[in-house]
PDB file of N, CA and C in Angstrom:
ATOM      1  N   MET A   1     189.332 104.766 205.993  1.00  0.00           N
ATOM      2  CA  MET A   1     188.177 104.293 205.247  1.00  0.00           C
ATOM      3  C   MET A   1     187.226 105.443 204.929  1.00  0.00           C
ATOM      4  N   GLU A   2     187.067 106.369 205.868  1.00  0.00           N
ATOM      5  CA  GLU A   2     186.156 107.492 205.658  1.00  0.00           C
ATOM      6  C   GLU A   2     186.568 108.321 204.449  1.00  0.00           C
ATOM      7  N   ASN A   3     187.866 108.548 204.290  1.00  0.00           N
ATOM      8  CA  ASN A   3     188.333 109.337 203.157  1.00  0.00           C
ATOM      9  C   ASN A   3     188.038 108.654 201.832  1.00  0.00           C
ATOM     10  N   VAL A   4     188.123 107.331 201.802  1.00  0.00           N
ATOM     11  CA  VAL A   4     187.814 106.582 200.586  1.00  0.00           C
ATOM     12  C   VAL A   4     186.341 106.763 200.236  1.00  0.00           C
ATOM     13  N   LEU A   5     185.478 106.655 201.224  1.00  0.00           N
ATOM     14  CA  LEU A   5     184.043 106.827 200.988  1.00  0.00           C
ATOM     15  C   LEU A   5     183.727 108.258 200.569  1.00  0.00           C
ATOM     16  N   THR A   6     184.353 109.220 201.219  1.00  0.00           N
ATOM     17  CA  THR A   6     184.139 110.626 200.868  1.00  0.00           C
ATOM     18  C   THR A   6     184.520 110.882 199.415  1.00  0.00           C
ATOM     19  N   ARG A   7     185.658 110.356 199.000  1.00  0.00           N
ATOM     20  CA  ARG A   7     186.102 110.535 197.607  1.00  0.00           C
ATOM     21  C   ARG A   7     185.174 109.829 196.630  1.00  0.00           C
ATOM     22  N   LYS A   8     184.701 108.638 196.989  1.00  0.00           N
ATOM     23  CA  LYS A   8     183.791 107.884 196.120  1.00  0.00           C
ATOM     24  C   LYS A   8     182.482 108.653 195.937  1.00  0.00           C
ATOM     25  N   ILE A   9     181.937 109.166 197.019  1.00  0.00           N
ATOM     26  CA  ILE A   9     180.701 109.950 196.942  1.00  0.00           C
ATOM     27  C   ILE A   9     180.927 111.183 196.077  1.00  0.00           C
ATOM     28  N   ALA A  10     182.029 111.875 196.297  1.00  0.00           N
ATOM     29  CA  ALA A  10     182.342 113.079 195.520  1.00  0.00           C
ATOM     30  C   ALA A  10     182.443 112.764 194.032  1.00  0.00           C
ATOM     31  N   GLN A  11     183.132 111.685 193.685  1.00  0.00           N
ATOM     32  CA  GLN A  11     183.275 111.287 192.278  1.00  0.00           C
ATOM     33  C   GLN A  11     181.923 110.960 191.663  1.00  0.00           C
ATOM     34  N   ASN A  12     181.101 110.226 192.401  1.00  0.00           N
ATOM     35  CA  ASN A  12     179.790 109.852 191.876  1.00  0.00           C
ATOM     36  C   ASN A  12     178.882 111.064 191.706  1.00  0.00           C
ATOM     37  N   LEU A  13     178.926 111.998 192.651  1.00  0.00           N
ATOM     38  CA  LEU A  13     178.120 113.215 192.520  1.00  0.00           C
ATOM     39  C   LEU A  13     178.520 113.991 191.274  1.00  0.00           C
ATOM     40  N   ARG A  14     179.805 114.115 191.058  1.00  0.00           N
ATOM     41  CA  ARG A  14     180.297 114.838 189.874  1.00  0.00           C
ATOM     42  C   ARG A  14     179.853 114.153 188.591  1.00  0.00           C
ATOM     43  N   LYS A  15     179.995 112.836 188.526  1.00  0.00           N
ATOM     44  CA  LYS A  15     179.584 112.085 187.328  1.00  0.00           C
ATOM     45  C   LYS A  15     178.096 112.272 187.043  1.00  0.00           C
ATOM     46  N   ILE A  16     177.288 112.149 188.084  1.00  0.00           N
ATOM     47  CA  ILE A  16     175.838 112.290 187.911  1.00  0.00           C
ATOM     48  C   ILE A  16     175.495 113.710 187.469  1.00  0.00           C
ATOM     49  N   ARG A  17     176.115 114.697 188.102  1.00  0.00           N
ATOM     50  CA  ARG A  17     175.828 116.097 187.760  1.00  0.00           C
ATOM     51  C   ARG A  17     176.161 116.386 186.306  1.00  0.00           C
ATOM     52  N   ILE A  18     177.319 115.939 185.869  1.00  0.00           N
ATOM     53  CA  ILE A  18     177.738 116.173 184.483  1.00  0.00           C
ATOM     54  C   ILE A  18     176.818 115.432 183.521  1.00  0.00           C
ATOM     55  N   LYS A  19     176.478 114.191 183.853  1.00  0.00           N
ATOM     56  CA  LYS A  19     175.579 113.404 182.997  1.00  0.00           C
ATOM     57  C   LYS A  19     174.221 114.097 182.834  1.00  0.00           C
ATOM     58  N   LYS A  20     173.767 114.764 183.879  1.00  0.00           N
ATOM     59  CA  LYS A  20     172.475 115.460 183.834  1.00  0.00           C
ATOM     60  C   LYS A  20     172.588 116.870 183.263  1.00  0.00           C
ATOM     61  N   GLY A  21     173.810 117.299 182.953  1.00  0.00           N
ATOM     62  CA  GLY A  21     174.015 118.609 182.340  1.00  0.00           C
ATOM     63  C   GLY A  21     173.763 119.778 183.278  1.00  0.00           C
ATOM     64  N   LEU A  22     174.060 119.589 184.545  1.00  0.00           N
ATOM     65  CA  LEU A  22     173.809 120.625 185.544  1.00  0.00           C
ATOM     66  C   LEU A  22     175.111 121.249 186.025  1.00  0.00           C
ATOM     67  N   SER A  23     175.043 122.505 186.412  1.00  0.00           N
ATOM     68  CA  SER A  23     176.195 123.165 187.027  1.00  0.00           C
ATOM     69  C   SER A  23     176.152 122.908 188.536  1.00  0.00           C
ATOM     70  N   GLN A  24     177.270 123.160 189.193  1.00  0.00           N
ATOM     71  CA  GLN A  24     177.295 123.041 190.651  1.00  0.00           C
ATOM     72  C   GLN A  24     176.310 124.019 191.276  1.00  0.00           C
ATOM     73  N   GLU A  25     176.210 125.192 190.702  1.00  0.00           N
ATOM     74  CA  GLU A  25     175.287 126.202 191.225  1.00  0.00           C
ATOM     75  C   GLU A  25     173.842 125.719 191.144  1.00  0.00           C
ATOM     76  N   GLN A  26     173.483 125.087 190.022  1.00  0.00           N
ATOM     77  CA  GLN A  26     172.119 124.582 189.861  1.00  0.00           C
ATOM     78  C   GLN A  26     171.813 123.490 190.879  1.00  0.00           C
ATOM     79  N   VAL A  27     172.744 122.566 191.049  1.00  0.00           N
ATOM     80  CA  VAL A  27     172.544 121.481 192.015  1.00  0.00           C
ATOM     81  C   VAL A  27     172.409 122.053 193.424  1.00  0.00           C
ATOM     82  N   ALA A  28     173.265 122.992 193.758  1.00  0.00           N
ATOM     83  CA  ALA A  28     173.209 123.604 195.085  1.00  0.00           C
ATOM     84  C   ALA A  28     171.857 124.267 195.321  1.00  0.00           C
ATOM     85  N   GLU A  29     171.384 125.025 194.349  1.00  0.00           N
ATOM     86  CA  GLU A  29     170.089 125.696 194.489  1.00  0.00           C
ATOM     87  C   GLU A  29     168.964 124.678 194.639  1.00  0.00           C
ATOM     88  N   MET A  30     168.988 123.640 193.825  1.00  0.00           N
ATOM     89  CA  MET A  30     167.960 122.598 193.883  1.00  0.00           C
ATOM     90  C   MET A  30     168.000 121.839 195.208  1.00  0.00           C
ATOM     91  N   SER A  31     169.174 121.807 195.837  1.00  0.00           N
ATOM     92  CA  SER A  31     169.367 121.059 197.083  1.00  0.00           C
ATOM     93  C   SER A  31     169.224 121.926 198.326  1.00  0.00           C
ATOM     94  N   GLY A  32     169.067 123.235 198.128  1.00  0.00           N
ATOM     95  CA  GLY A  32     168.883 124.137 199.255  1.00  0.00           C
ATOM     96  C   GLY A  32     170.152 124.464 200.021  1.00  0.00           C
ATOM     97  N   MET A  33     171.257 124.588 199.298  1.00  0.00           N
ATOM     98  CA  MET A  33     172.518 124.944 199.960  1.00  0.00           C
ATOM     99  C   MET A  33     173.280 125.936 199.105  1.00  0.00           C
ATOM    100  N   HIS A  34     174.277 126.567 199.689  1.00  0.00           N
ATOM    101  CA  HIS A  34     175.113 127.509 198.956  1.00  0.00           C
ATOM    102  C   HIS A  34     176.005 126.731 198.003  1.00  0.00           C
ATOM    103  N   TRP A  35     176.289 127.322 196.836  1.00  0.00           N
ATOM    104  CA  TRP A  35     177.063 126.593 195.829  1.00  0.00           C
ATOM    105  C   TRP A  35     178.479 126.280 196.293  1.00  0.00           C
ATOM    106  N   THR A  36     179.059 127.123 197.155  1.00  0.00           N
ATOM    107  CA  THR A  36     180.415 126.822 197.626  1.00  0.00           C
ATOM    108  C   THR A  36     180.420 125.588 198.531  1.00  0.00           C
ATOM    109  N   TYR A  37     179.352 125.408 199.283  1.00  0.00           N
ATOM    110  CA  TYR A  37     179.226 124.217 200.130  1.00  0.00           C
ATOM    111  C   TYR A  37     179.152 122.973 199.245  1.00  0.00           C
ATOM    112  N   TYR A  38     178.296 123.030 198.220  1.00  0.00           N
ATOM    113  CA  TYR A  38     178.190 121.879 197.316  1.00  0.00           C
ATOM    114  C   TYR A  38     179.523 121.621 196.617  1.00  0.00           C
ATOM    115  N   SER A  39     180.187 122.659 196.193  1.00  0.00           N
ATOM    116  CA  SER A  39     181.473 122.513 195.521  1.00  0.00           C
ATOM    117  C   SER A  39     182.479 121.786 196.408  1.00  0.00           C
ATOM    118  N   ARG A  40     182.491 122.120 197.682  1.00  0.00           N
ATOM    119  CA  ARG A  40     183.400 121.443 198.619  1.00  0.00           C
ATOM    120  C   ARG A  40     183.038 119.970 198.772  1.00  0.00           C
ATOM    121  N   ILE A  41     181.756 119.660 198.762  1.00  0.00           N
ATOM    122  CA  ILE A  41     181.336 118.256 198.837  1.00  0.00           C
ATOM    123  C   ILE A  41     181.846 117.501 197.618  1.00  0.00           C
ATOM    124  N   GLU A  42     181.648 118.085 196.448  1.00  0.00           N
ATOM    125  CA  GLU A  42     182.025 117.416 195.201  1.00  0.00           C
ATOM    126  C   GLU A  42     183.541 117.269 195.055  1.00  0.00           C
ATOM    127  N   ARG A  43     184.290 118.119 195.716  1.00  0.00           N
ATOM    128  CA  ARG A  43     185.756 118.029 195.675  1.00  0.00           C
ATOM    129  C   ARG A  43     186.310 117.232 196.855  1.00  0.00           C
ATOM    130  N   ALA A  44     185.422 116.592 197.616  1.00  0.00           N
ATOM    131  CA  ALA A  44     185.790 115.767 198.775  1.00  0.00           C
ATOM    132  C   ALA A  44     186.517 116.576 199.848  1.00  0.00           C
ATOM    133  N   LEU A  45     186.191 117.852 199.950  1.00  0.00           N
ATOM    134  CA  LEU A  45     186.795 118.704 200.969  1.00  0.00           C
ATOM    135  C   LEU A  45     185.898 118.853 202.191  1.00  0.00           C
ATOM    136  N   HIS A  46     184.641 118.476 202.057  1.00  0.00           N
ATOM    137  CA  HIS A  46     183.697 118.565 203.171  1.00  0.00           C
ATOM    138  C   HIS A  46     183.470 117.147 203.676  1.00  0.00           C
ATOM    139  N   LYS A  47     184.151 116.788 204.740  1.00  0.00           N
ATOM    140  CA  LYS A  47     184.185 115.404 205.207  1.00  0.00           C
ATOM    141  C   LYS A  47     182.996 115.017 206.088  1.00  0.00           C
ATOM    142  N   ASP A  48     182.247 115.987 206.573  1.00  0.00           N
ATOM    143  CA  ASP A  48     181.178 115.664 207.517  1.00  0.00           C
ATOM    144  C   ASP A  48     179.785 115.970 206.961  1.00  0.00           C
ATOM    145  N   ILE A  49     179.564 115.617 205.713  1.00  0.00           N
ATOM    146  CA  ILE A  49     178.244 115.838 205.110  1.00  0.00           C
ATOM    147  C   ILE A  49     177.212 114.950 205.808  1.00  0.00           C
ATOM    148  N   SER A  50     176.081 115.539 206.128  1.00  0.00           N
ATOM    149  CA  SER A  50     175.028 114.779 206.802  1.00  0.00           C
ATOM    150  C   SER A  50     174.236 113.963 205.786  1.00  0.00           C
ATOM    151  N   VAL A  51     173.590 112.937 206.281  1.00  0.00           N
ATOM    152  CA  VAL A  51     172.743 112.107 205.425  1.00  0.00           C
ATOM    153  C   VAL A  51     171.616 112.957 204.856  1.00  0.00           C
ATOM    154  N   ARG A  52     171.106 113.883 205.638  1.00  0.00           N
ATOM    155  CA  ARG A  52     170.019 114.752 205.178  1.00  0.00           C
ATOM    156  C   ARG A  52     170.461 115.580 203.970  1.00  0.00           C
ATOM    157  N   ARG A  53     171.646 116.178 204.058  1.00  0.00           N
ATOM    158  CA  ARG A  53     172.140 116.979 202.923  1.00  0.00           C
ATOM    159  C   ARG A  53     172.384 116.099 201.707  1.00  0.00           C
ATOM    160  N   LEU A  54     172.955 114.928 201.933  1.00  0.00           N
ATOM    161  CA  LEU A  54     173.193 114.009 200.827  1.00  0.00           C
ATOM    162  C   LEU A  54     171.867 113.586 200.198  1.00  0.00           C
ATOM    163  N   LYS A  55     170.851 113.368 201.014  1.00  0.00           N
ATOM    164  CA  LYS A  55     169.523 113.009 200.506  1.00  0.00           C
ATOM    165  C   LYS A  55     168.931 114.168 199.706  1.00  0.00           C
ATOM    166  N   ASN A  56     169.128 115.397 200.147  1.00  0.00           N
ATOM    167  CA  ASN A  56     168.646 116.557 199.383  1.00  0.00           C
ATOM    168  C   ASN A  56     169.278 116.591 197.993  1.00  0.00           C
ATOM    169  N   ILE A  57     170.566 116.267 197.930  1.00  0.00           N
ATOM    170  CA  ILE A  57     171.264 116.255 196.641  1.00  0.00           C
ATOM    171  C   ILE A  57     170.736 115.131 195.760  1.00  0.00           C
ATOM    172  N   THR A  58     170.595 113.933 196.328  1.00  0.00           N
ATOM    173  CA  THR A  58     170.111 112.815 195.506  1.00  0.00           C
ATOM    174  C   THR A  58     168.680 113.054 195.046  1.00  0.00           C
ATOM    175  N   ASP A  59     167.870 113.680 195.875  1.00  0.00           N
ATOM    176  CA  ASP A  59     166.505 114.030 195.454  1.00  0.00           C
ATOM    177  C   ASP A  59     166.541 115.008 194.286  1.00  0.00           C
ATOM    178  N   ALA A  60     167.438 115.977 194.346  1.00  0.00           N
ATOM    179  CA  ALA A  60     167.572 116.946 193.250  1.00  0.00           C
ATOM    180  C   ALA A  60     167.987 116.250 191.958  1.00  0.00           C
ATOM    181  N   PHE A  61     168.843 115.250 192.073  1.00  0.00           N
ATOM    182  CA  PHE A  61     169.287 114.488 190.903  1.00  0.00           C
ATOM    183  C   PHE A  61     168.246 113.478 190.428  1.00  0.00           C
ATOM    184  N   GLY A  62     167.337 113.097 191.317  1.00  0.00           N
ATOM    185  CA  GLY A  62     166.380 112.051 190.975  1.00  0.00           C
ATOM    186  C   GLY A  62     167.013 110.669 191.011  1.00  0.00           C
ATOM    187  N   VAL A  63     167.975 110.486 191.921  1.00  0.00           N
ATOM    188  CA  VAL A  63     168.643 109.192 192.086  1.00  0.00           C
ATOM    189  C   VAL A  63     168.539 108.777 193.550  1.00  0.00           C
ATOM    190  N   THR A  64     169.000 107.567 193.852  1.00  0.00           N
ATOM    191  CA  THR A  64     168.962 107.073 195.224  1.00  0.00           C
ATOM    192  C   THR A  64     170.304 107.294 195.912  1.00  0.00           C
ATOM    193  N   LEU A  65     170.304 107.159 197.222  1.00  0.00           N
ATOM    194  CA  LEU A  65     171.556 107.233 197.972  1.00  0.00           C
ATOM    195  C   LEU A  65     172.520 106.142 197.511  1.00  0.00           C
ATOM    196  N   ASN A  66     171.990 104.967 197.188  1.00  0.00           N
ATOM    197  CA  ASN A  66     172.842 103.879 196.697  1.00  0.00           C
ATOM    198  C   ASN A  66     173.574 104.269 195.424  1.00  0.00           C
ATOM    199  N   ASP A  67     172.925 105.033 194.557  1.00  0.00           N
ATOM    200  CA  ASP A  67     173.570 105.469 193.313  1.00  0.00           C
ATOM    201  C   ASP A  67     174.796 106.331 193.593  1.00  0.00           C
ATOM    202  N   VAL A  68     174.793 107.024 194.700  1.00  0.00           N
ATOM    203  CA  VAL A  68     175.891 107.928 195.039  1.00  0.00           C
ATOM    204  C   VAL A  68     176.973 107.220 195.856  1.00  0.00           C
ATOM    205  N   VAL A  69     176.561 106.323 196.727  1.00  0.00           N
ATOM    206  CA  VAL A  69     177.511 105.681 197.633  1.00  0.00           C
ATOM    207  C   VAL A  69     178.250 104.521 196.976  1.00  0.00           C
ATOM    208  N   TYR A  70     177.590 103.799 196.083  1.00  0.00           N
ATOM    209  CA  TYR A  70     178.213 102.596 195.489  1.00  0.00           C
ATOM    210  C   TYR A  70     178.596 102.787 194.051  1.00  0.00           C
TER     211      TYR A  70
END
C-alpha cells in the first residue's frame, strides 16, 4: 500500500509542478531542499518523505496536502 501512495504523491507533485510551469530545481529551492532530493521524491524513489518536507513542497505550490495525496 505504501508504494501505491508514494507513486500517487509523486504523480500529483509532477502534475502540479508542470501545471505551474516550474522546474524541479525551482520547486526544490522554494521548498528548501536540494534538487536531487526533490527529483527522487517526484520519481517515487524516496519512500520515506516526512510530512514536514511534503508540507514545504505544498506550501511552495500554494496547494494543500489533500491536493497531493488524493
